[in-house]
Amino acid sequence: MKNKLREIKLLLAQLDADHQQAIVDYANFLVQRYKVEDSRAKDLKPESIERPRQESVIAAIKRLKKTYYMLETNTILDQTSALMGQHILKGREASDVIDELQSIFQAQYDQYLNQ
């Protein structure tokens, strides 16, 4: 699905705002007409990827993105960036930052399930 999202983003970038909106409108039409049952969408479970003993913050973010593949990570980009900044610029321990990142991703997943 990630490849399809990338392809759609590339295609949208080549269109003006009106045509981009037309694509969004058409996608909404398709969703309404051919919507996958919510129960199937909710069946998307996080991948079980074990946290390594020694892990960098960047590696943790990549792991969490793979773990929670069903989430739109732009919604937590600000929080993720802020934590990365605390680690790099202020010297906050990587393990503490990673713990908080995991909590953020888990909370976003819980919100995803409750939609």
PDB file of N, CA and C in Angstrom:
ATOM      1  N   MET A   1       0.815  -1.190   0.000  1.00  0.00           N
ATOM      2  CA  MET A   1       0.000   0.000   0.000  1.00  0.00           C
ATOM      3  C   MET A   1       0.860   1.256   0.000  1.00  0.00           C
ATOM      4  N   LYS A   2       2.036   1.188   0.647  1.00  0.00           N
ATOM      5  CA  LYS A   2       2.909   2.359   0.682  1.00  0.00           C
ATOM      6  C   LYS A   2       3.322   2.783  -0.715  1.00  0.00           C
ATOM      7  N   ASN A   3       3.596   1.797  -1.586  1.00  0.00           N
ATOM      8  CA  ASN A   3       3.984   2.132  -2.960  1.00  0.00           C
ATOM      9  C   ASN A   3       2.853   2.839  -3.688  1.00  0.00           C
ATOM     10  N   LYS A   4       1.634   2.401  -3.449  1.00  0.00           N
ATOM     11  CA  LYS A   4       0.482   3.041  -4.090  1.00  0.00           C
ATOM     12  C   LYS A   4       0.310   4.469  -3.588  1.00  0.00           C
ATOM     13  N   LEU A   5       0.519   4.666  -2.287  1.00  0.00           N
ATOM     14  CA  LEU A   5       0.414   6.016  -1.734  1.00  0.00           C
ATOM     15  C   LEU A   5       1.468   6.939  -2.333  1.00  0.00           C
ATOM     16  N   ARG A   6       2.674   6.419  -2.465  1.00  0.00           N
ATOM     17  CA  ARG A   6       3.739   7.223  -3.090  1.00  0.00           C
ATOM     18  C   ARG A   6       3.371   7.588  -4.521  1.00  0.00           C
ATOM     19  N   GLU A   7       2.855   6.618  -5.258  1.00  0.00           N
ATOM     20  CA  GLU A   7       2.472   6.864  -6.645  1.00  0.00           C
ATOM     21  C   GLU A   7       1.371   7.923  -6.727  1.00  0.00           C
ATOM     22  N   ILE A   8       0.394   7.815  -5.852  1.00  0.00           N
ATOM     23  CA  ILE A   8      -0.690   8.799  -5.840  1.00  0.00           C
ATOM     24  C   ILE A   8      -0.150  10.184  -5.501  1.00  0.00           C
ATOM     25  N   LYS A   9       0.752  10.264  -4.526  1.00  0.00           N
ATOM     26  CA  LYS A   9       1.339  11.555  -4.158  1.00  0.00           C
ATOM     27  C   LYS A   9       2.099  12.168  -5.328  1.00  0.00           C
ATOM     28  N   LEU A  10       2.856  11.338  -6.033  1.00  0.00           N
ATOM     29  CA  LEU A  10       3.604  11.839  -7.194  1.00  0.00           C
ATOM     30  C   LEU A  10       2.665  12.343  -8.279  1.00  0.00           C
ATOM     31  N   LEU A  11       1.594  11.616  -8.500  1.00  0.00           N
ATOM     32  CA  LEU A  11       0.626  12.038  -9.512  1.00  0.00           C
ATOM     33  C   LEU A  11      -0.079  13.331  -9.103  1.00  0.00           C
ATOM     34  N   LEU A  12      -0.477  13.410  -7.847  1.00  0.00           N
ATOM     35  CA  LEU A  12      -1.156  14.617  -7.371  1.00  0.00           C
ATOM     36  C   LEU A  12      -0.257  15.845  -7.473  1.00  0.00           C
ATOM     37  N   ALA A  13       1.020  15.660  -7.214  1.00  0.00           N
ATOM     38  CA  ALA A  13       1.957  16.785  -7.262  1.00  0.00           C
ATOM     39  C   ALA A  13       2.050  17.395  -8.656  1.00  0.00           C
ATOM     40  N   GLN A  14       1.675  16.635  -9.668  1.00  0.00           N
ATOM     41  CA  GLN A  14       1.755  17.117 -11.048  1.00  0.00           C
ATOM     42  C   GLN A  14       0.494  17.868 -11.483  1.00  0.00           C
ATOM     43  N   LEU A  15      -0.504  17.925 -10.603  1.00  0.00           N
ATOM     44  CA  LEU A  15      -1.779  18.558 -10.948  1.00  0.00           C
ATOM     45  C   LEU A  15      -1.958  19.873 -10.193  1.00  0.00           C
ATOM     46  N   ASP A  16      -2.780  20.752 -10.761  1.00  0.00           N
ATOM     47  CA  ASP A  16      -3.106  21.991 -10.052  1.00  0.00           C
ATOM     48  C   ASP A  16      -4.131  21.679  -8.957  1.00  0.00           C
ATOM     49  N   ALA A  17      -4.422  22.659  -8.113  1.00  0.00           N
ATOM     50  CA  ALA A  17      -5.279  22.454  -6.941  1.00  0.00           C
ATOM     51  C   ALA A  17      -6.679  21.972  -7.312  1.00  0.00           C
ATOM     52  N   ASP A  18      -7.251  22.512  -8.376  1.00  0.00           N
ATOM     53  CA  ASP A  18      -8.601  22.096  -8.779  1.00  0.00           C
ATOM     54  C   ASP A  18      -8.644  20.633  -9.189  1.00  0.00           C
ATOM     55  N   HIS A  19      -7.649  20.205  -9.947  1.00  0.00           N
ATOM     56  CA  HIS A  19      -7.616  18.809 -10.382  1.00  0.00           C
ATOM     57  C   HIS A  19      -7.269  17.873  -9.222  1.00  0.00           C
ATOM     58  N   GLN A  20      -6.445  18.347  -8.289  1.00  0.00           N
ATOM     59  CA  GLN A  20      -6.173  17.553  -7.092  1.00  0.00           C
ATOM     60  C   GLN A  20      -7.471  17.320  -6.320  1.00  0.00           C
ATOM     61  N   GLN A  21      -8.278  18.374  -6.196  1.00  0.00           N
ATOM     62  CA  GLN A  21      -9.550  18.246  -5.488  1.00  0.00           C
ATOM     63  C   GLN A  21     -10.481  17.282  -6.214  1.00  0.00           C
ATOM     64  N   ALA A  22     -10.443  17.302  -7.544  1.00  0.00           N
ATOM     65  CA  ALA A  22     -11.272  16.375  -8.324  1.00  0.00           C
ATOM     66  C   ALA A  22     -10.886  14.929  -8.012  1.00  0.00           C
ATOM     67  N   ILE A  23      -9.592  14.676  -7.876  1.00  0.00           N
ATOM     68  CA  ILE A  23      -9.121  13.326  -7.533  1.00  0.00           C
ATOM     69  C   ILE A  23      -9.617  12.941  -6.138  1.00  0.00           C
ATOM     70  N   VAL A  24      -9.506  13.852  -5.191  1.00  0.00           N
ATOM     71  CA  VAL A  24      -9.975  13.581  -3.827  1.00  0.00           C
ATOM     72  C   VAL A  24     -11.478  13.310  -3.827  1.00  0.00           C
ATOM     73  N   ASP A  25     -12.225  14.109  -4.571  1.00  0.00           N
ATOM     74  CA  ASP A  25     -13.674  13.901  -4.661  1.00  0.00           C
ATOM     75  C   ASP A  25     -13.999  12.530  -5.248  1.00  0.00           C
ATOM     76  N   TYR A  26     -13.270  12.145  -6.280  1.00  0.00           N
ATOM     77  CA  TYR A  26     -13.498  10.844  -6.905  1.00  0.00           C
ATOM     78  C   TYR A  26     -13.146   9.715  -5.930  1.00  0.00           C
ATOM     79  N   ALA A  27     -12.059   9.876  -5.194  1.00  0.00           N
ATOM     80  CA  ALA A  27     -11.675   8.862  -4.214  1.00  0.00           C
ATOM     81  C   ALA A  27     -12.755   8.724  -3.140  1.00  0.00           C
ATOM     82  N   ASN A  28     -13.296   9.848  -2.689  1.00  0.00           N
ATOM     83  CA  ASN A  28     -14.389   9.802  -1.710  1.00  0.00           C
ATOM     84  C   ASN A  28     -15.607   9.083  -2.275  1.00  0.00           C
ATOM     85  N   PHE A  29     -15.913   9.334  -3.534  1.00  0.00           N
ATOM     86  CA  PHE A  29     -17.014   8.641  -4.201  1.00  0.00           C
ATOM     87  C   PHE A  29     -16.767   7.131  -4.195  1.00  0.00           C
ATOM     88  N   LEU A  30     -15.559   6.724  -4.560  1.00  0.00           N
ATOM     89  CA  LEU A  30     -15.239   5.296  -4.595  1.00  0.00           C
ATOM     90  C   LEU A  30     -15.341   4.664  -3.212  1.00  0.00           C
ATOM     91  N   VAL A  31     -14.870   5.376  -2.203  1.00  0.00           N
ATOM     92  CA  VAL A  31     -14.948   4.849  -0.841  1.00  0.00           C
ATOM     93  C   VAL A  31     -16.401   4.637  -0.438  1.00  0.00           C
ATOM     94  N   GLN A  32     -17.247   5.608  -0.736  1.00  0.00           N
ATOM     95  CA  GLN A  32     -18.660   5.478  -0.383  1.00  0.00           C
ATOM     96  C   GLN A  32     -19.322   4.318  -1.124  1.00  0.00           C
ATOM     97  N   ARG A  33     -18.921   4.115  -2.344  1.00  0.00           N
ATOM     98  CA  ARG A  33     -19.552   3.085  -3.166  1.00  0.00           C
ATOM     99  C   ARG A  33     -19.005   1.684  -2.891  1.00  0.00           C
ATOM    100  N   TYR A  34     -17.704   1.593  -2.676  1.00  0.00           N
ATOM    101  CA  TYR A  34     -17.061   0.279  -2.558  1.00  0.00           C
ATOM    102  C   TYR A  34     -16.332   0.106  -1.229  1.00  0.00           C
ATOM    103  N   LYS A  35     -16.800   0.753  -0.209  1.00  0.00           N
ATOM    104  CA  LYS A  35     -16.126   0.765   1.085  1.00  0.00           C
ATOM    105  C   LYS A  35     -15.907  -0.649   1.613  1.00  0.00           C
ATOM    106  N   VAL A  36     -14.673  -0.902   2.063  1.00  0.00           N
ATOM    107  CA  VAL A  36     -14.342  -2.165   2.721  1.00  0.00           C
ATOM    108  C   VAL A  36     -15.004  -2.128   4.090  1.00  0.00           C
ATOM    109  N   GLU A  37     -15.525  -3.249   4.497  1.00  0.00           N
ATOM    110  CA  GLU A  37     -16.170  -3.304   5.804  1.00  0.00           C
ATOM    111  C   GLU A  37     -15.219  -2.797   6.877  1.00  0.00           C
ATOM    112  N   ASP A  38     -15.738  -1.981   7.777  1.00  0.00           N
ATOM    113  CA  ASP A  38     -14.925  -1.423   8.852  1.00  0.00           C
ATOM    114  C   ASP A  38     -14.232  -2.508   9.657  1.00  0.00           C
ATOM    115  N   SER A  39     -14.908  -3.625   9.855  1.00  0.00           N
ATOM    116  CA  SER A  39     -14.310  -4.689  10.647  1.00  0.00           C
ATOM    117  C   SER A  39     -13.034  -5.206  10.000  1.00  0.00           C
ATOM    118  N   ARG A  40     -13.000  -5.247   8.662  1.00  0.00           N
ATOM    119  CA  ARG A  40     -11.779  -5.681   7.976  1.00  0.00           C
ATOM    120  C   ARG A  40     -10.681  -4.648   8.147  1.00  0.00           C
ATOM    121  N   ALA A  41     -11.025  -3.376   8.075  1.00  0.00           N
ATOM    122  CA  ALA A  41     -10.028  -2.325   8.261  1.00  0.00           C
ATOM    123  C   ALA A  41      -9.483  -2.366   9.686  1.00  0.00           C
ATOM    124  N   LYS A  42     -10.324  -2.660  10.649  1.00  0.00           N
ATOM    125  CA  LYS A  42      -9.899  -2.707  12.047  1.00  0.00           C
ATOM    126  C   LYS A  42      -9.073  -3.954  12.350  1.00  0.00           C
ATOM    127  N   ASP A  43      -9.090  -4.937  11.451  1.00  0.00           N
ATOM    128  CA  ASP A  43      -8.308  -6.147  11.650  1.00  0.00           C
ATOM    129  C   ASP A  43      -6.819  -5.928  11.413  1.00  0.00           C
ATOM    130  N   LEU A  44      -6.445  -4.762  10.927  1.00  0.00           N
ATOM    131  CA  LEU A  44      -5.033  -4.484  10.700  1.00  0.00           C
ATOM    132  C   LEU A  44      -4.337  -4.373  12.049  1.00  0.00           C
ATOM    133  N   LYS A  45      -3.488  -5.315  12.319  1.00  0.00           N
ATOM    134  CA  LYS A  45      -2.781  -5.366  13.595  1.00  0.00           C
ATOM    135  C   LYS A  45      -1.338  -4.925  13.392  1.00  0.00           C
ATOM    136  N   PRO A  46      -0.755  -4.337  14.429  1.00  0.00           N
ATOM    137  CA  PRO A  46       0.658  -3.956  14.319  1.00  0.00           C
ATOM    138  C   PRO A  46       1.537  -5.184  14.091  1.00  0.00           C
ATOM    139  N   GLU A  47       2.593  -4.978  13.319  1.00  0.00           N
ATOM    140  CA  GLU A  47       3.584  -6.036  13.126  1.00  0.00           C
ATOM    141  C   GLU A  47       4.315  -6.243  14.450  1.00  0.00           C
ATOM    142  N   SER A  48       4.711  -7.452  14.707  1.00  0.00           N
ATOM    143  CA  SER A  48       5.460  -7.735  15.923  1.00  0.00           C
ATOM    144  C   SER A  48       6.952  -7.652  15.607  1.00  0.00           C
ATOM    145  N   ILE A  49       7.520  -6.476  15.831  1.00  0.00           N
ATOM    146  CA  ILE A  49       8.945  -6.260  15.587  1.00  0.00           C
ATOM    147  C   ILE A  49       9.584  -5.940  16.935  1.00  0.00           C
ATOM    148  N   GLU A  50      10.443  -6.832  17.377  1.00  0.00           N
ATOM    149  CA  GLU A  50      11.051  -6.683  18.691  1.00  0.00           C
ATOM    150  C   GLU A  50      12.006  -5.495  18.729  1.00  0.00           C
ATOM    151  N   ARG A  51      12.002  -4.807  19.849  1.00  0.00           N
ATOM    152  CA  ARG A  51      12.905  -3.671  20.047  1.00  0.00           C
ATOM    153  C   ARG A  51      14.300  -4.195  20.385  1.00  0.00           C
ATOM    154  N   PRO A  52      15.292  -3.804  19.584  1.00  0.00           N
ATOM    155  CA  PRO A  52      16.664  -4.239  19.877  1.00  0.00           C
ATOM    156  C   PRO A  52      17.180  -3.617  21.177  1.00  0.00           C
ATOM    157  N   ARG A  53      18.166  -4.259  21.781  1.00  0.00           N
ATOM    158  CA  ARG A  53      18.759  -3.728  23.013  1.00  0.00           C
ATOM    159  C   ARG A  53      19.357  -2.345  22.784  1.00  0.00           C
ATOM    160  N   GLN A  54      20.185  -2.234  21.781  1.00  0.00           N
ATOM    161  CA  GLN A  54      20.817  -0.959  21.429  1.00  0.00           C
ATOM    162  C   GLN A  54      20.173  -0.467  20.147  1.00  0.00           C
ATOM    163  N   GLU A  55      19.418   0.609  20.251  1.00  0.00           N
ATOM    164  CA  GLU A  55      18.704   1.123  19.086  1.00  0.00           C
ATOM    165  C   GLU A  55      18.809   2.640  19.077  1.00  0.00           C
ATOM    166  N   SER A  56      19.097   3.189  17.916  1.00  0.00           N
ATOM    167  CA  SER A  56      19.118   4.645  17.785  1.00  0.00           C
ATOM    168  C   SER A  56      17.682   5.150  17.672  1.00  0.00           C
ATOM    169  N   VAL A  57      17.505   6.432  17.898  1.00  0.00           N
ATOM    170  CA  VAL A  57      16.169   7.021  17.801  1.00  0.00           C
ATOM    171  C   VAL A  57      15.653   6.908  16.370  1.00  0.00           C
ATOM    172  N   ILE A  58      16.515   7.146  15.402  1.00  0.00           N
ATOM    173  CA  ILE A  58      16.106   7.046  13.994  1.00  0.00           C
ATOM    174  C   ILE A  58      15.689   5.618  13.658  1.00  0.00           C
ATOM    175  N   ALA A  59      16.471   4.647  14.116  1.00  0.00           N
ATOM    176  CA  ALA A  59      16.114   3.241  13.873  1.00  0.00           C
ATOM    177  C   ALA A  59      14.783   2.903  14.550  1.00  0.00           C
ATOM    178  N   ALA A  60      14.551   3.470  15.725  1.00  0.00           N
ATOM    179  CA  ALA A  60      13.290   3.217  16.429  1.00  0.00           C
ATOM    180  C   ALA A  60      12.105   3.784  15.654  1.00  0.00           C
ATOM    181  N   ILE A  61      12.276   4.977  15.103  1.00  0.00           N
ATOM    182  CA  ILE A  61      11.199   5.579  14.311  1.00  0.00           C
ATOM    183  C   ILE A  61      10.898   4.705  13.098  1.00  0.00           C
ATOM    184  N   LYS A  62      11.936   4.227  12.436  1.00  0.00           N
ATOM    185  CA  LYS A  62      11.736   3.345  11.279  1.00  0.00           C
ATOM    186  C   LYS A  62      11.030   2.059  11.698  1.00  0.00           C
ATOM    187  N   ARG A  63      11.449   1.494  12.829  1.00  0.00           N
ATOM    188  CA  ARG A  63      10.823   0.267  13.328  1.00  0.00           C
ATOM    189  C   ARG A  63       9.350   0.507  13.661  1.00  0.00           C
ATOM    190  N   LEU A  64       9.070   1.621  14.312  1.00  0.00           N
ATOM    191  CA  LEU A  64       7.688   1.924  14.694  1.00  0.00           C
ATOM    192  C   LEU A  64       6.815   2.194  13.475  1.00  0.00           C
ATOM    193  N   LYS A  65       7.381   2.807  12.441  1.00  0.00           N
ATOM    194  CA  LYS A  65       6.619   3.014  11.204  1.00  0.00           C
ATOM    195  C   LYS A  65       6.276   1.677  10.556  1.00  0.00           C
ATOM    196  N   LYS A  66       7.212   0.717  10.623  1.00  0.00           N
ATOM    197  CA  LYS A  66       6.936  -0.617  10.076  1.00  0.00           C
ATOM    198  C   LYS A  66       5.942  -1.369  10.960  1.00  0.00           C
ATOM    199  N   THR A  67       6.091  -1.207  12.265  1.00  0.00           N
ATOM    200  CA  THR A  67       5.192  -1.870  13.204  1.00  0.00           C
ATOM    201  C   THR A  67       3.759  -1.392  13.017  1.00  0.00           C
ATOM    202  N   TYR A  68       3.602  -0.078  12.946  1.00  0.00           N
ATOM    203  CA  TYR A  68       2.279   0.531  12.813  1.00  0.00           C
ATOM    204  C   TYR A  68       2.079   1.018  11.383  1.00  0.00           C
ATOM    205  N   TYR A  69       2.234   0.114  10.444  1.00  0.00           N
ATOM    206  CA  TYR A  69       2.178   0.421   9.012  1.00  0.00           C
ATOM    207  C   TYR A  69       0.849   1.023   8.578  1.00  0.00           C
ATOM    208  N   MET A  70      -0.216   0.778   9.331  1.00  0.00           N
ATOM    209  CA  MET A  70      -1.549   1.240   8.942  1.00  0.00           C
ATOM    210  C   MET A  70      -1.795   2.703   9.305  1.00  0.00           C
ATOM    211  N   LEU A  71      -0.889   3.313  10.050  1.00  0.00           N
ATOM    212  CA  LEU A  71      -1.087   4.691  10.496  1.00  0.00           C
ATOM    213  C   LEU A  71      -0.530   5.693   9.500  1.00  0.00           C
ATOM    214  N   GLU A  72      -1.191   6.838   9.428  1.00  0.00           N
ATOM    215  CA  GLU A  72      -0.664   7.975   8.681  1.00  0.00           C
ATOM    216  C   GLU A  72       0.268   8.704   9.641  1.00  0.00           C
ATOM    217  N   THR A  73       1.557   8.598   9.423  1.00  0.00           N
ATOM    218  CA  THR A  73       2.505   9.134  10.396  1.00  0.00           C
ATOM    219  C   THR A  73       2.636  10.651  10.349  1.00  0.00           C
ATOM    220  N   ASN A  74       2.052  11.320   9.338  1.00  0.00           N
ATOM    221  CA  ASN A  74       2.141  12.783   9.324  1.00  0.00           C
ATOM    222  C   ASN A  74       1.400  13.370  10.523  1.00  0.00           C
ATOM    223  N   THR A  75       0.441  12.643  11.075  1.00  0.00           N
ATOM    224  CA  THR A  75      -0.323  13.163  12.207  1.00  0.00           C
ATOM    225  C   THR A  75       0.518  13.239  13.476  1.00  0.00           C
ATOM    226  N   ILE A  76       1.590  12.476  13.543  1.00  0.00           N
ATOM    227  CA  ILE A  76       2.454  12.510  14.724  1.00  0.00           C
ATOM    228  C   ILE A  76       3.846  13.041  14.401  1.00  0.00           C
ATOM    229  N   LEU A  77       3.980  13.638  13.236  1.00  0.00           N
ATOM    230  CA  LEU A  77       5.276  14.162  12.804  1.00  0.00           C
ATOM    231  C   LEU A  77       5.811  15.226  13.756  1.00  0.00           C
ATOM    232  N   ASP A  78       4.966  16.133  14.220  1.00  0.00           N
ATOM    233  CA  ASP A  78       5.417  17.193  15.129  1.00  0.00           C
ATOM    234  C   ASP A  78       5.978  16.609  16.422  1.00  0.00           C
ATOM    235  N   GLN A  79       5.255  15.659  16.996  1.00  0.00           N
ATOM    236  CA  GLN A  79       5.710  15.040  18.238  1.00  0.00           C
ATOM    237  C   GLN A  79       7.018  14.283  18.028  1.00  0.00           C
ATOM    238  N   THR A  80       7.085  13.552  16.930  1.00  0.00           N
ATOM    239  CA  THR A  80       8.286  12.781  16.614  1.00  0.00           C
ATOM    240  C   THR A  80       9.480  13.708  16.421  1.00  0.00           C
ATOM    241  N   SER A  81       9.280  14.783  15.686  1.00  0.00           N
ATOM    242  CA  SER A  81      10.354  15.752  15.441  1.00  0.00           C
ATOM    243  C   SER A  81      10.807  16.415  16.737  1.00  0.00           C
ATOM    244  N   ALA A  82       9.856  16.760  17.593  1.00  0.00           N
ATOM    245  CA  ALA A  82      10.198  17.392  18.871  1.00  0.00           C
ATOM    246  C   ALA A  82      11.047  16.459  19.731  1.00  0.00           C
ATOM    247  N   LEU A  83      10.677  15.194  19.766  1.00  0.00           N
ATOM    248  CA  LEU A  83      11.452  14.226  20.548  1.00  0.00           C
ATOM    249  C   LEU A  83      12.843  14.022  19.960  1.00  0.00           C
ATOM    250  N   MET A  84      12.923  13.982  18.642  1.00  0.00           N
ATOM    251  CA  MET A  84      14.221  13.842  17.985  1.00  0.00           C
ATOM    252  C   MET A  84      15.102  15.046  18.335  1.00  0.00           C
ATOM    253  N   GLY A  85      14.510  16.231  18.332  1.00  0.00           N
ATOM    254  CA  GLY A  85      15.243  17.442  18.701  1.00  0.00           C
ATOM    255  C   GLY A  85      15.726  17.400  20.140  1.00  0.00           C
ATOM    256  N   GLN A  86      14.891  16.920  21.045  1.00  0.00           N
ATOM    257  CA  GLN A  86      15.298  16.796  22.447  1.00  0.00           C
ATOM    258  C   GLN A  86      16.486  15.858  22.587  1.00  0.00           C
ATOM    259  N   HIS A  87      16.488  14.817  21.795  1.00  0.00           N
ATOM    260  CA  HIS A  87      17.585  13.852  21.850  1.00  0.00           C
ATOM    261  C   HIS A  87      18.869  14.445  21.274  1.00  0.00           C
ATOM    262  N   ILE A  88      18.775  15.016  20.083  1.00  0.00           N
ATOM    263  CA  ILE A  88      19.973  15.505  19.397  1.00  0.00           C
ATOM    264  C   ILE A  88      20.491  16.804  20.010  1.00  0.00           C
ATOM    265  N   LEU A  89      19.604  17.751  20.233  1.00  0.00           N
ATOM    266  CA  LEU A  89      20.032  19.079  20.668  1.00  0.00           C
ATOM    267  C   LEU A  89      20.197  19.214  22.178  1.00  0.00           C
ATOM    268  N   LYS A  90      19.397  18.482  22.929  1.00  0.00           N
ATOM    269  CA  LYS A  90      19.433  18.639  24.385  1.00  0.00           C
ATOM    270  C   LYS A  90      20.030  17.436  25.106  1.00  0.00           C
ATOM    271  N   GLY A  91      20.396  16.411  24.347  1.00  0.00           N
ATOM    272  CA  GLY A  91      21.058  15.260  24.937  1.00  0.00           C
ATOM    273  C   GLY A  91      20.162  14.325  25.728  1.00  0.00           C
ATOM    274  N   ARG A  92      18.887  14.349  25.469  1.00  0.00           N
ATOM    275  CA  ARG A  92      17.978  13.430  26.165  1.00  0.00           C
ATOM    276  C   ARG A  92      18.323  11.997  25.779  1.00  0.00           C
ATOM    277  N   GLU A  93      18.291  11.112  26.749  1.00  0.00           N
ATOM    278  CA  GLU A  93      18.650   9.711  26.531  1.00  0.00           C
ATOM    279  C   GLU A  93      17.793   9.068  25.444  1.00  0.00           C
ATOM    280  N   ALA A  94      18.447   8.318  24.570  1.00  0.00           N
ATOM    281  CA  ALA A  94      17.748   7.658  23.465  1.00  0.00           C
ATOM    282  C   ALA A  94      16.663   6.719  23.978  1.00  0.00           C
ATOM    283  N   SER A  95      16.961   5.962  25.024  1.00  0.00           N
ATOM    284  CA  SER A  95      15.976   4.994  25.525  1.00  0.00           C
ATOM    285  C   SER A  95      14.714   5.689  26.028  1.00  0.00           C
ATOM    286  N   ASP A  96      14.862   6.852  26.669  1.00  0.00           N
ATOM    287  CA  ASP A  96      13.692   7.612  27.132  1.00  0.00           C
ATOM    288  C   ASP A  96      12.871   8.127  25.956  1.00  0.00           C
ATOM    289  N   VAL A  97      13.564   8.630  24.941  1.00  0.00           N
ATOM    290  CA  VAL A  97      12.890   9.143  23.748  1.00  0.00           C
ATOM    291  C   VAL A  97      12.149   8.010  23.047  1.00  0.00           C
ATOM    292  N   ILE A  98      12.793   6.863  22.929  1.00  0.00           N
ATOM    293  CA  ILE A  98      12.178   5.714  22.258  1.00  0.00           C
ATOM    294  C   ILE A  98      10.949   5.233  23.031  1.00  0.00           C
ATOM    295  N   ASP A  99      11.044   5.205  24.365  1.00  0.00           N
ATOM    296  CA  ASP A  99       9.877   4.832  25.178  1.00  0.00           C
ATOM    297  C   ASP A  99       8.701   5.760  24.889  1.00  0.00           C
ATOM    298  N   GLU A 100       8.987   7.054  24.823  1.00  0.00           N
ATOM    299  CA  GLU A 100       7.918   8.021  24.560  1.00  0.00           C
ATOM    300  C   GLU A 100       7.381   7.881  23.137  1.00  0.00           C
ATOM    301  N   LEU A 101       8.276   7.622  22.181  1.00  0.00           N
ATOM    302  CA  LEU A 101       7.839   7.397  20.794  1.00  0.00           C
ATOM    303  C   LEU A 101       6.891   6.204  20.716  1.00  0.00           C
ATOM    304  N   GLN A 102       7.239   5.133  21.414  1.00  0.00           N
ATOM    305  CA  GLN A 102       6.379   3.951  21.413  1.00  0.00           C
ATOM    306  C   GLN A 102       5.007   4.277  21.983  1.00  0.00           C
ATOM    307  N   SER A 103       4.977   5.088  23.027  1.00  0.00           N
ATOM    308  CA  SER A 103       3.695   5.492  23.614  1.00  0.00           C
ATOM    309  C   SER A 103       2.875   6.315  22.632  1.00  0.00           C
ATOM    310  N   ILE A 104       3.539   7.201  21.903  1.00  0.00           N
ATOM    311  CA  ILE A 104       2.851   8.048  20.920  1.00  0.00           C
ATOM    312  C   ILE A 104       2.259   7.193  19.807  1.00  0.00           C
ATOM    313  N   PHE A 105       3.054   6.271  19.276  1.00  0.00           N
ATOM    314  CA  PHE A 105       2.560   5.401  18.205  1.00  0.00           C
ATOM    315  C   PHE A 105       1.412   4.523  18.711  1.00  0.00           C
ATOM    316  N   GLN A 106       1.535   4.010  19.932  1.00  0.00           N
ATOM    317  CA  GLN A 106       0.464   3.181  20.497  1.00  0.00           C
ATOM    318  C   GLN A 106      -0.814   3.995  20.665  1.00  0.00           C
ATOM    319  N   ALA A 107      -0.689   5.218  21.148  1.00  0.00           N
ATOM    320  CA  ALA A 107      -1.863   6.083  21.319  1.00  0.00           C
ATOM    321  C   ALA A 107      -2.514   6.390  19.974  1.00  0.00           C
ATOM    322  N   GLN A 108      -1.695   6.611  18.959  1.00  0.00           N
ATOM    323  CA  GLN A 108      -2.231   6.878  17.621  1.00  0.00           C
ATOM    324  C   GLN A 108      -2.949   5.639  17.083  1.00  0.00           C
ATOM    325  N   TYR A 109      -2.401   4.461  17.360  1.00  0.00           N
ATOM    326  CA  TYR A 109      -3.048   3.216  16.938  1.00  0.00           C
ATOM    327  C   TYR A 109      -4.383   3.033  17.666  1.00  0.00           C
ATOM    328  N   ASP A 110      -4.405   3.325  18.961  1.00  0.00           N
ATOM    329  CA  ASP A 110      -5.654   3.230  19.724  1.00  0.00           C
ATOM    330  C   ASP A 110      -6.708   4.169  19.147  1.00  0.00           C
ATOM    331  N   GLN A 111      -6.280   5.367  18.786  1.00  0.00           N
ATOM    332  CA  GLN A 111      -7.195   6.332  18.171  1.00  0.00           C
ATOM    333  C   GLN A 111      -7.690   5.806  16.825  1.00  0.00           C
ATOM    334  N   TYR A 112      -6.803   5.198  16.053  1.00  0.00           N
ATOM    335  CA  TYR A 112      -7.156   4.594  14.763  1.00  0.00           C
ATOM    336  C   TYR A 112      -8.247   3.537  14.952  1.00  0.00           C
ATOM    337  N   LEU A 113      -8.116   2.718  15.986  1.00  0.00           N
ATOM    338  CA  LEU A 113      -9.101   1.663  16.243  1.00  0.00           C
ATOM    339  C   LEU A 113     -10.456   2.228  16.644  1.00  0.00           C
ATOM    340  N   ASN A 114     -10.448   3.374  17.298  1.00  0.00           N
ATOM    341  CA  ASN A 114     -11.693   3.964  17.794  1.00  0.00           C
ATOM    342  C   ASN A 114     -12.401   4.848  16.781  1.00  0.00           C
ATOM    343  N   GLN A 115     -11.842   4.992  15.604  1.00  0.00           N
ATOM    344  CA  GLN A 115     -12.480   5.826  14.576  1.00  0.00           C
ATOM    345  C   GLN A 115     -13.687   5.137  14.002  1.00  0.00           C
TER     346      GLN A 115
END
